[in-house]
């Protein structure tokens, strides 16, 4: 979900050749090829032994899902083609496949906005040139991965933890709860603790293999976070011979020695490796404070985006204003003109109409952000649904995401979460039982992808594809009808 890009003095991402400077699409493709280079062991530019102005970026805004940099460049340029280039690179460089010959099933977040879904469909058909596509919500696909159609899905992802009620195969978008704590926050905490144990900042691997390399701040930090990830995963899910209560209640486990790139061993207590789960599960003052700080930061970020969206002046182009309007997102208009069916590329990713269309959904997302512990998030999401749905939702809690692979045993994190949920719901409904569905660690991290493979293997799925002919006839708004 990250790329390595370089912003030149003229504001464009470019390579070394003149042809790449003349053709922006080639320039971005060149930078993505650079991202495939192992920047933990070698320089971005092997000739200079330096990263120059390269930095680590994410083509998708982690909170809102926008595809462009939230901070406009001085000359008005942005990285709108970065994500399409990622997709093209995945097809051609990784899969060695022609995008025009292979349909694409894309996993999206459950609270994705209609406007961004339409934007995604446009790029898939007009830029990547896929023959057919389908957008599946991650929570629904996670249910399918566990053989369920009704459940409360807990997804501990990279930047957020999302709790989504799914009833009979449909996500209850109005009742979603989102925490700003994810894997990235856990790794940041582990990195701080490792620095304290080592008595100095832990050097990344490249410092020992090629000391002459000159790393930029972003890449240096990314390389150090990779070490924190290794430490977090050290011994996670291992079958340790201990009493189940000790393993699940407090995450106690023997100390492990984590070896740094230079061979130095650091004795890492279990509380450092596994207690990052307290960021999600705990109600201690330190965990609560960290969640509150992360929540306030994301709320401030959303407030700034909302202020910018509402302050965008109109340039008089009413047709483009309606391109991603709520009316276009909900219904399919047969009066769509050819121009609106295939908007000009320079307007497709215009910030103004897209942000204006997303603003109402960002207001909703702001109310769904919470700093509550994970068990409280599950109960709040389920209790916001209809009364006759609550029993089934709490009776089937699906746990997925790479951040849920914590603890000395595979079921340490799930069992602790289940006990916390039951302690909350038994106050009002003593007879209810919580069944927490948590696959093995290897499957849990890719649960939504497993659900997508199950959905794609169904014989009836052929009729669910959005074909290019349907897109050309109805436009991008068809995604909100065929992919609810």
Protein backbone atom coordinates (compact mmCIF):
# COMPACT_ATOMS: atom_id res chain seq x y z
CA UNK A 1 0.00 0.00 0.00
CA UNK A 2 2.99 2.30 -0.33
CA UNK A 3 5.17 3.44 -3.19
CA UNK A 4 8.48 5.17 -3.53
CA UNK A 5 8.14 8.35 -5.57
CA UNK A 6 10.19 11.45 -6.20
CA UNK A 7 8.86 14.96 -6.64
CA UNK A 8 11.04 16.98 -8.97
CA UNK A 9 11.41 20.75 -8.94
CA UNK A 10 8.77 21.09 -11.67
CA UNK A 11 6.24 19.17 -9.56
CA UNK A 12 6.15 16.05 -11.74
CA UNK A 13 7.33 12.57 -10.85
CA UNK A 14 9.89 11.65 -13.45
CA UNK A 15 12.58 9.18 -14.31
CA UNK A 16 15.95 9.66 -15.91
CA UNK A 17 15.15 9.52 -19.62
CA UNK A 18 13.78 12.39 -21.69
CA UNK A 19 10.90 10.24 -22.94
CA UNK A 20 9.76 9.67 -19.39
CA UNK A 21 9.89 13.37 -18.68
CA UNK A 22 7.73 14.06 -21.74
CA UNK A 23 5.19 11.33 -20.94
CA UNK A 24 3.80 11.56 -17.37
CA UNK A 25 2.33 8.05 -17.51
CA UNK A 26 5.75 6.58 -18.30
CA UNK A 27 7.29 8.68 -15.57
CA UNK A 28 4.94 7.31 -12.93
CA UNK A 29 5.42 3.79 -14.24
CA UNK A 30 9.17 4.26 -13.84
CA UNK A 31 8.75 5.31 -10.20
CA UNK A 32 6.60 2.26 -9.47
CA UNK A 33 9.30 0.03 -10.95
CA UNK A 34 11.65 1.74 -8.53
CA UNK A 35 9.26 0.86 -5.71
CA UNK A 36 9.74 -2.80 -6.60
CA UNK A 37 13.45 -2.36 -5.86
CA UNK A 38 14.45 -3.62 -2.41
CA UNK A 39 15.01 -0.30 -0.71
CA UNK A 40 15.96 -2.00 2.55
CA UNK A 41 19.17 -3.31 1.00
CA UNK A 42 20.02 -0.98 -1.86
CA UNK A 43 19.64 2.64 -2.88
CA UNK A 44 16.76 3.98 -4.91
CA UNK A 45 19.33 5.38 -7.33
CA UNK A 46 22.22 2.86 -7.46
CA UNK A 47 24.48 5.31 -9.32
CA UNK A 48 24.46 7.97 -6.62
CA UNK A 49 24.11 5.76 -3.52
CA UNK A 50 21.46 8.21 -2.39
CA UNK A 51 17.68 8.41 -2.23
CA UNK A 52 17.69 12.03 -3.33
CA UNK A 53 14.19 13.44 -2.99
CA UNK A 54 12.42 10.07 -3.06
CA UNK A 55 9.98 9.43 -0.26
CA UNK A 56 7.47 6.80 0.83
CA UNK A 57 3.89 7.67 -0.08
CA UNK A 58 0.51 5.97 -0.04
CA UNK A 59 -1.55 6.37 -3.24
CA UNK A 60 -4.75 6.01 -1.22
CA UNK A 61 -5.58 8.29 1.69
CA UNK A 62 -5.98 5.86 4.58
CA UNK A 63 -8.91 7.63 6.24
CA UNK A 64 -11.03 8.91 3.36
CA UNK A 65 -9.99 6.67 0.48
CA UNK A 66 -9.11 9.60 -1.78
CA UNK A 67 -6.60 8.77 -4.45
CA UNK A 68 -4.66 11.99 -4.49
CA UNK A 69 -2.50 13.88 -2.11
CA UNK A 70 -4.65 15.90 0.31
CA UNK A 71 -2.12 18.72 0.08
CA UNK A 72 -2.26 20.21 -3.46
CA UNK A 73 1.08 20.76 -5.14
CA UNK A 74 2.29 24.26 -5.87
CA UNK A 75 1.64 23.88 -9.57
CA UNK A 76 -1.66 22.05 -9.06
CA UNK A 77 -0.32 18.63 -10.01
CA UNK A 78 -1.02 15.50 -7.99
CA UNK A 79 -0.44 11.76 -8.15
CA UNK A 80 -3.80 10.73 -9.53
CA UNK A 81 -2.35 8.07 -11.79
CA UNK A 82 -0.31 6.43 -9.03
CA UNK A 83 -2.92 3.82 -8.07
CA UNK A 84 -3.82 2.93 -11.68
CA UNK A 85 -0.11 2.44 -12.30
CA UNK A 86 0.01 0.12 -9.29
CA UNK A 87 -2.77 -1.99 -10.79
CA UNK A 88 -1.13 -2.08 -14.20
CA UNK A 89 2.18 -3.02 -12.60
CA UNK A 90 0.47 -5.83 -10.68
CA UNK A 91 -0.98 -7.26 -13.86
CA UNK A 92 2.02 -6.90 -16.17
CA UNK A 93 5.07 -7.12 -13.91
CA UNK A 94 3.86 -9.45 -11.15
CA UNK A 95 1.26 -11.66 -12.86
CA UNK A 96 2.71 -11.35 -16.37
CA UNK A 97 -0.86 -11.01 -17.62
CA UNK A 98 -2.74 -8.75 -19.98
CA UNK A 99 -5.33 -6.69 -18.01
CA UNK A 100 -7.73 -6.74 -20.96
CA UNK A 101 -7.98 -10.53 -20.73
CA UNK A 102 -8.61 -10.97 -17.00
CA UNK A 103 -11.59 -9.64 -14.97
CA UNK A 104 -10.77 -8.08 -11.61
CA UNK A 105 -12.50 -8.66 -8.27
CA UNK A 106 -11.48 -5.74 -6.06
CA UNK A 107 -11.80 -5.73 -2.25
CA UNK A 108 -12.88 -2.35 -0.86
CA UNK A 109 -13.54 -0.97 2.59
CA UNK A 110 -17.11 -1.27 3.81
CA UNK A 111 -17.55 2.49 4.30
CA UNK A 112 -16.21 3.49 0.90
CA UNK A 113 -18.14 6.41 -0.59
CA UNK A 114 -20.24 6.07 -3.78
CA UNK A 115 -18.18 8.77 -5.50
CA UNK A 116 -14.88 6.98 -4.94
CA UNK A 117 -16.45 3.71 -6.08
CA UNK A 118 -17.48 5.41 -9.30
CA UNK A 119 -13.99 6.83 -9.68
CA UNK A 120 -12.56 3.34 -9.22
CA UNK A 121 -14.83 1.89 -11.88
CA UNK A 122 -13.85 4.59 -14.36
CA UNK A 123 -10.16 3.90 -13.91
CA UNK A 124 -10.55 0.13 -14.14
CA UNK A 125 -12.35 0.35 -17.47
CA UNK A 126 -10.74 3.42 -19.03
CA UNK A 127 -7.14 3.25 -17.79
CA UNK A 128 -6.41 -0.32 -16.71
CA UNK A 129 -8.75 -1.67 -19.44
CA UNK A 130 -10.19 -4.67 -17.61
CA UNK A 131 -13.01 -6.56 -19.40
CA UNK A 132 -15.16 -6.87 -16.25
CA UNK A 133 -14.94 -6.09 -12.56
CA UNK A 134 -16.73 -6.44 -9.24
CA UNK A 135 -16.22 -4.45 -6.04
CA UNK A 136 -16.75 -6.49 -2.89
CA UNK A 137 -16.85 -5.05 0.63
CA UNK A 138 -14.14 -6.44 2.86
CA UNK A 139 -16.50 -7.21 5.75
CA UNK A 140 -18.92 -9.17 3.56
CA UNK A 141 -16.09 -11.15 1.98
CA UNK A 142 -14.66 -11.92 5.43
CA UNK A 143 -18.03 -13.41 6.34
CA UNK A 144 -17.90 -15.60 3.26
CA UNK A 145 -14.39 -16.67 4.25
CA UNK A 146 -15.83 -18.09 7.49
CA UNK A 147 -18.90 -19.60 5.83
CA UNK A 148 -21.31 -16.99 7.20
CA UNK A 149 -23.67 -14.43 5.71
CA UNK A 150 -24.58 -12.76 9.02
CA UNK A 151 -21.93 -11.70 11.51
CA UNK A 152 -20.19 -8.78 13.15
CA UNK A 153 -16.84 -8.49 11.39
CA UNK A 154 -13.78 -7.17 13.23
CA UNK A 155 -11.00 -6.21 10.81
CA UNK A 156 -7.72 -5.11 12.38
CA UNK A 157 -6.04 -3.50 9.39
CA UNK A 158 -2.94 -1.46 8.73
CA UNK A 159 -4.22 2.01 9.57
CA UNK A 160 -7.62 1.35 11.20
CA UNK A 161 -9.66 -1.25 13.02
CA UNK A 162 -13.19 -1.52 11.64
CA UNK A 163 -16.23 -3.25 13.15
CA UNK A 164 -18.96 -3.86 10.56
CA UNK A 165 -22.31 -5.61 11.12
CA UNK A 166 -23.20 -7.80 8.13
CA UNK A 167 -26.76 -9.13 7.88
CA UNK A 168 -27.68 -11.65 5.19
CA UNK A 169 -24.76 -10.63 3.00
CA UNK A 170 -25.22 -6.85 3.22
CA UNK A 171 -23.04 -4.51 5.28
CA UNK A 172 -24.92 -2.22 7.66
CA UNK A 173 -22.93 0.89 6.71
CA UNK A 174 -24.77 3.21 9.09
CA UNK A 175 -23.71 1.13 12.10
CA UNK A 176 -19.99 0.78 11.39
CA UNK A 177 -17.47 1.66 14.09
CA UNK A 178 -13.91 2.71 13.22
CA UNK A 179 -10.88 2.93 15.51
CA UNK A 180 -7.76 4.88 14.46
CA UNK A 181 -5.57 2.12 15.90
CA UNK A 182 -4.15 -0.45 13.50
CA UNK A 183 -1.01 -2.39 12.72
CA UNK A 184 0.93 0.79 11.98
CA UNK A 185 0.25 2.17 15.48
CA UNK A 186 1.29 -1.17 17.01
CA UNK A 187 4.58 -1.22 15.12
CA UNK A 188 5.28 2.38 16.09
CA UNK A 189 4.82 1.43 19.75
CA UNK A 190 7.06 -1.63 19.43
CA UNK A 191 9.72 0.49 17.74
CA UNK A 192 9.70 2.93 20.65
CA UNK A 193 10.05 0.08 23.14
CA UNK A 194 12.85 -1.56 21.16
CA UNK A 195 14.76 1.72 21.12
CA UNK A 196 14.42 1.87 24.90
CA UNK A 197 15.62 -1.72 25.32
CA UNK A 198 18.55 -1.12 22.96
CA UNK A 199 19.40 2.17 24.71
CA UNK A 200 19.63 3.86 21.29
CA UNK A 201 17.68 3.96 18.00
CA UNK A 202 17.80 0.54 16.35
CA UNK A 203 19.70 0.80 13.05
CA UNK A 204 18.05 -0.74 9.98
CA UNK A 205 19.60 -3.55 7.97
CA UNK A 206 21.08 -1.44 5.19
CA UNK A 207 23.28 0.42 7.70
CA UNK A 208 25.36 -2.75 8.10
CA UNK A 209 25.29 -4.06 4.55
CA UNK A 210 25.99 -0.76 2.79
CA UNK A 211 26.98 1.93 5.32
CA UNK A 212 27.65 4.43 2.53
CA UNK A 213 23.97 4.64 1.59
CA UNK A 214 22.31 7.99 2.22
CA UNK A 215 18.70 7.32 3.18
CA UNK A 216 15.89 9.81 3.26
CA UNK A 217 13.84 10.23 6.43
CA UNK A 218 10.80 8.34 5.10
CA UNK A 219 12.72 5.32 3.84
CA UNK A 220 14.87 5.19 6.98
CA UNK A 221 11.75 5.06 9.13
CA UNK A 222 10.08 2.47 6.87
CA UNK A 223 13.12 0.20 7.18
CA UNK A 224 13.03 0.52 10.98
CA UNK A 225 9.31 -0.26 11.04
CA UNK A 226 10.06 -3.47 9.15
CA UNK A 227 12.21 -4.54 12.10
CA UNK A 228 9.38 -3.68 14.49
CA UNK A 229 7.05 -5.86 12.42
CA UNK A 230 9.47 -8.78 12.67
CA UNK A 231 9.58 -8.33 16.43
CA UNK A 232 5.77 -8.19 16.66
CA UNK A 233 5.47 -11.40 14.69
CA UNK A 234 8.23 -13.13 16.68
CA UNK A 235 6.59 -16.17 18.26
CA UNK A 236 3.05 -15.00 17.51
CA UNK A 237 0.67 -17.93 17.22
CA UNK A 238 3.27 -20.47 18.33
CA UNK A 239 2.05 -23.49 20.26
CA UNK A 240 3.52 -22.74 23.68
CA UNK A 241 3.00 -25.30 26.41
CA UNK A 242 1.29 -23.28 29.10
CA UNK A 243 -2.02 -23.03 30.88
CA UNK A 244 -4.70 -21.61 28.54
CA UNK A 245 -5.78 -19.04 31.13
CA UNK A 246 -2.28 -17.63 31.38
CA UNK A 247 -1.91 -17.49 27.62
CA UNK A 248 -5.22 -15.81 26.87
CA UNK A 249 -5.78 -13.50 29.80
CA UNK A 250 -2.49 -11.66 30.11
CA UNK A 251 -0.49 -12.75 27.04
CA UNK A 252 2.29 -14.09 29.29
CA UNK A 253 4.99 -15.97 27.41
CA UNK A 254 8.72 -16.63 27.74
CA UNK A 255 11.11 -13.89 26.74
CA UNK A 256 12.43 -14.04 23.20
CA UNK A 257 15.76 -12.84 21.87
CA UNK A 258 15.35 -10.54 18.88
CA UNK A 259 18.50 -10.30 16.81
CA UNK A 260 19.31 -6.97 15.21
CA UNK A 261 20.82 -6.78 11.71
CA UNK A 262 24.34 -6.59 13.18
CA UNK A 263 23.80 -9.80 15.15
CA UNK A 264 23.24 -8.12 18.50
CA UNK A 265 20.60 -9.87 20.56
CA UNK A 266 17.94 -7.90 22.44
CA UNK A 267 16.01 -9.70 25.16
CA UNK A 268 12.40 -8.76 24.38
CA UNK A 269 9.86 -9.43 27.14
CA UNK A 270 6.47 -10.81 26.18
CA UNK A 271 4.82 -7.58 27.28
CA UNK A 272 6.64 -5.76 24.47
CA UNK A 273 5.78 -8.30 21.78
CA UNK A 274 2.19 -9.03 22.70
CA UNK A 275 1.00 -6.20 24.92
CA UNK A 276 0.47 -3.99 21.87
CA UNK A 277 -2.89 -5.74 21.84
CA UNK A 278 -3.77 -3.49 24.77
CA UNK A 279 -3.94 -0.62 22.29
CA UNK A 280 -7.15 -2.25 21.06
CA UNK A 281 -8.36 -4.34 23.99
CA UNK A 282 -7.15 -2.50 27.07
CA UNK A 283 -8.84 0.17 29.14
CA UNK A 284 -5.72 1.17 31.07
CA UNK A 285 -4.88 4.90 31.14
CA UNK A 286 -1.93 4.60 28.73
CA UNK A 287 -3.93 2.74 26.07
CA UNK A 288 -6.89 5.09 26.45
CA UNK A 289 -4.62 8.12 26.07
CA UNK A 290 -2.99 6.73 22.92
CA UNK A 291 -6.37 5.99 21.35
CA UNK A 292 -7.67 9.43 22.23
CA UNK A 293 -4.63 11.11 20.68
CA UNK A 294 -5.01 9.09 17.48
CA UNK A 295 -8.73 9.86 17.38
CA UNK A 296 -8.20 13.59 17.79
CA UNK A 297 -5.58 13.60 15.03
CA UNK A 298 -7.89 11.86 12.56
CA UNK A 299 -10.87 14.01 13.51
CA UNK A 300 -8.78 17.12 12.88
CA UNK A 301 -7.73 15.71 9.52
CA UNK A 302 -11.34 15.04 8.55
CA UNK A 303 -12.40 18.50 9.71
CA UNK A 304 -9.78 20.06 7.46
CA UNK A 305 -10.93 18.00 4.47
CA UNK A 306 -14.56 18.89 5.14
CA UNK A 307 -13.69 22.55 5.41
CA UNK A 308 -11.84 22.42 2.10
CA UNK A 309 -14.69 20.55 0.40
CA UNK A 310 -17.32 23.01 1.59
CA UNK A 311 -15.19 26.03 0.70
CA UNK A 312 -14.51 24.95 -2.87
CA UNK A 313 -15.78 27.77 -5.13
CA UNK A 314 -17.84 26.84 -8.15
CA UNK A 315 -16.28 27.35 -11.54
CA UNK A 316 -19.61 27.27 -13.35
CA UNK A 317 -19.22 23.74 -14.73
CA UNK A 318 -22.49 22.32 -13.47
CA UNK A 319 -22.27 19.09 -15.44
CA UNK A 320 -19.03 18.14 -13.75
CA UNK A 321 -20.45 19.10 -10.36
CA UNK A 322 -23.13 16.44 -10.88
CA UNK A 323 -20.66 13.83 -12.07
CA UNK A 324 -20.21 12.36 -8.59
CA UNK A 325 -23.38 13.76 -7.06
CA UNK A 326 -25.51 11.70 -4.69
CA UNK A 327 -28.24 11.45 -7.32
CA UNK A 328 -25.83 9.97 -9.83
CA UNK A 329 -24.53 7.56 -7.21
CA UNK A 330 -27.95 6.23 -6.22
CA UNK A 331 -29.75 5.90 -9.53
CA UNK A 332 -28.92 5.24 -13.16
CA UNK A 333 -30.09 8.02 -15.43
CA UNK A 334 -30.94 7.11 -19.01
CA UNK A 335 -30.49 10.76 -19.91
CA UNK A 336 -26.76 10.62 -19.30
CA UNK A 337 -24.98 12.34 -22.14
CA UNK A 338 -22.03 10.85 -23.92
CA UNK A 339 -19.79 13.43 -22.27
CA UNK A 340 -20.91 12.42 -18.80
CA UNK A 341 -20.62 8.77 -19.74
CA UNK A 342 -16.95 9.29 -20.60
CA UNK A 343 -15.72 12.43 -18.83
CA UNK A 344 -12.50 14.05 -19.88
CA UNK A 345 -9.45 12.73 -18.09
CA UNK A 346 -8.51 16.17 -16.79
CA UNK A 347 -11.85 16.40 -14.96
CA UNK A 348 -12.26 12.83 -13.84
CA UNK A 349 -10.13 13.30 -10.76
CA UNK A 350 -10.98 16.93 -10.12
CA UNK A 351 -10.84 17.57 -6.39
CA UNK A 352 -13.87 19.82 -6.25
CA UNK A 353 -16.74 17.61 -7.48
CA UNK A 354 -15.32 14.50 -5.85
CA UNK A 355 -14.78 16.09 -2.45
CA UNK A 356 -18.19 17.74 -2.55
CA UNK A 357 -19.80 14.35 -3.24
CA UNK A 358 -17.80 12.67 -0.45
CA UNK A 359 -18.42 15.38 2.18
CA UNK A 360 -21.76 13.97 3.52
CA UNK A 361 -20.17 10.55 3.96
CA UNK A 362 -17.17 12.05 5.73
CA UNK A 363 -19.54 13.67 8.22
CA UNK A 364 -20.93 10.20 8.92
CA UNK A 365 -17.45 8.70 9.15
CA UNK A 366 -16.47 11.31 11.72
CA UNK A 367 -19.30 10.19 13.99
CA UNK A 368 -18.26 6.55 13.51
CA UNK A 369 -14.68 7.15 14.65
CA UNK A 370 -14.22 6.06 18.25
CA UNK A 371 -11.52 5.58 20.87
CA UNK A 372 -13.44 2.86 22.73
CA UNK A 373 -11.89 -0.58 23.40
CA UNK A 374 -12.51 -3.19 20.73
CA UNK A 375 -15.10 -5.14 22.72
CA UNK A 376 -17.11 -1.96 23.27
CA UNK A 377 -16.94 -1.23 19.53
CA UNK A 378 -18.41 -4.66 18.75
CA UNK A 379 -21.28 -4.17 21.19
CA UNK A 380 -22.00 -0.63 20.00
CA UNK A 381 -22.08 -1.70 16.34
CA UNK A 382 -24.41 -4.63 17.03
CA UNK A 383 -26.73 -2.71 19.36
CA UNK A 384 -27.22 -0.01 16.74
CA UNK A 385 -28.87 -2.58 14.46
CA UNK A 386 -32.48 -3.76 14.71
CA UNK A 387 -33.39 -5.69 17.82
CA UNK A 388 -34.16 -8.89 15.92
CA UNK A 389 -30.69 -8.79 14.32
CA UNK A 390 -28.63 -8.27 17.46
CA UNK A 391 -28.64 -11.87 18.67
CA UNK A 392 -27.37 -13.23 15.35
CA UNK A 393 -24.76 -10.48 15.04
CA UNK A 394 -23.32 -11.03 18.51
CA UNK A 395 -23.62 -14.80 18.15
CA UNK A 396 -21.26 -14.70 15.17
CA UNK A 397 -18.25 -12.40 15.56
CA UNK A 398 -15.68 -12.81 12.77
CA UNK A 399 -12.09 -11.74 13.48
CA UNK A 400 -9.73 -10.95 10.61
CA UNK A 401 -6.88 -8.71 9.53
CA UNK A 402 -3.14 -8.95 10.02
CA UNK A 403 -3.31 -6.99 13.27
CA UNK A 404 -5.36 -9.73 14.93
CA UNK A 405 -2.46 -12.21 14.66
CA UNK A 406 -1.17 -11.44 18.14
CA UNK A 407 -0.49 -13.44 21.26
CA UNK A 408 1.56 -16.51 22.14
CA UNK A 409 -1.18 -18.85 20.84
CA UNK A 410 -3.47 -18.61 17.84
CA UNK A 411 -6.54 -18.17 20.02
CA UNK A 412 -5.06 -15.82 22.63
CA UNK A 413 -6.34 -12.59 21.07
CA UNK A 414 -9.75 -14.05 20.02
CA UNK A 415 -10.44 -15.57 23.44
CA UNK A 416 -9.59 -12.35 25.24
CA UNK A 417 -11.88 -10.40 22.91
CA UNK A 418 -14.70 -12.92 23.37
CA UNK A 419 -14.47 -12.73 27.15
CA UNK A 420 -14.51 -8.93 27.05
CA UNK A 421 -17.59 -8.90 24.80
CA UNK A 422 -19.47 -11.35 27.00
CA UNK A 423 -18.69 -9.33 30.11
CA UNK A 424 -20.35 -6.32 28.44
CA UNK A 425 -23.44 -7.94 26.92
CA UNK A 426 -24.26 -10.03 30.00
CA UNK A 427 -25.09 -6.82 31.85
CA UNK A 428 -28.21 -6.43 29.68
CA UNK A 429 -28.72 -9.89 28.15
CA UNK A 430 -27.31 -12.57 30.49
CA UNK A 431 -28.45 -15.46 28.30
CA UNK A 432 -26.66 -14.45 25.13
CA UNK A 433 -23.54 -16.32 24.06
CA UNK A 434 -20.78 -14.96 21.88
CA UNK A 435 -19.27 -17.24 19.24
CA UNK A 436 -16.06 -15.76 17.92
CA UNK A 437 -14.90 -17.14 14.58
CA UNK A 438 -11.15 -16.76 14.14
CA UNK A 439 -9.39 -18.85 11.48
CA UNK A 440 -5.75 -19.83 11.74
CA UNK A 441 -3.23 -16.99 11.78
CA UNK A 442 -2.17 -17.56 8.17
CA UNK A 443 -5.79 -17.35 6.96
CA UNK A 444 -6.85 -14.61 9.34
CA UNK A 445 -4.52 -12.05 7.79
CA UNK A 446 -6.05 -12.53 4.30
CA UNK A 447 -9.59 -13.43 5.31
CA UNK A 448 -11.32 -11.01 2.94
CA UNK A 449 -9.23 -12.33 0.04
CA UNK A 450 -10.25 -15.89 0.93
CA UNK A 451 -13.87 -14.78 0.91
CA UNK A 452 -13.32 -13.17 -2.47
CA UNK A 453 -11.93 -16.43 -3.87
CA UNK A 454 -14.98 -18.29 -2.54
CA UNK A 455 -17.33 -15.75 -4.10
CA UNK A 456 -15.49 -15.83 -7.41
CA UNK A 457 -15.68 -19.63 -7.57
CA UNK A 458 -19.49 -19.69 -7.37
CA UNK A 459 -21.27 -20.60 -10.56
CA UNK A 460 -23.74 -17.74 -10.13
CA UNK A 461 -21.00 -15.14 -9.79
CA UNK A 462 -20.72 -14.81 -13.56
CA UNK A 463 -23.91 -12.73 -13.60
CA UNK A 464 -22.55 -10.36 -10.94
CA UNK A 465 -19.69 -8.99 -13.03
CA UNK A 466 -19.92 -5.41 -14.27
CA UNK A 467 -18.93 -5.72 -17.91
CA UNK A 468 -17.38 -3.02 -20.02
CA UNK A 469 -20.52 -2.95 -22.20
CA UNK A 470 -22.67 -2.23 -19.13
CA UNK A 471 -20.31 0.51 -18.05
CA UNK A 472 -20.41 2.16 -21.48
CA UNK A 473 -24.22 2.02 -21.47
CA UNK A 474 -24.97 3.11 -17.91
CA UNK A 475 -21.82 4.84 -16.76
CA UNK A 476 -19.97 4.58 -13.47
CA UNK A 477 -23.12 4.79 -11.32
CA UNK A 478 -23.89 1.16 -12.15
CA UNK A 479 -21.37 0.12 -9.50
CA UNK A 480 -23.77 1.20 -6.75
CA UNK A 481 -26.52 -1.03 -8.16
CA UNK A 482 -24.59 -4.19 -9.00
CA UNK A 483 -22.12 -3.99 -6.09
CA UNK A 484 -24.28 -2.94 -3.10
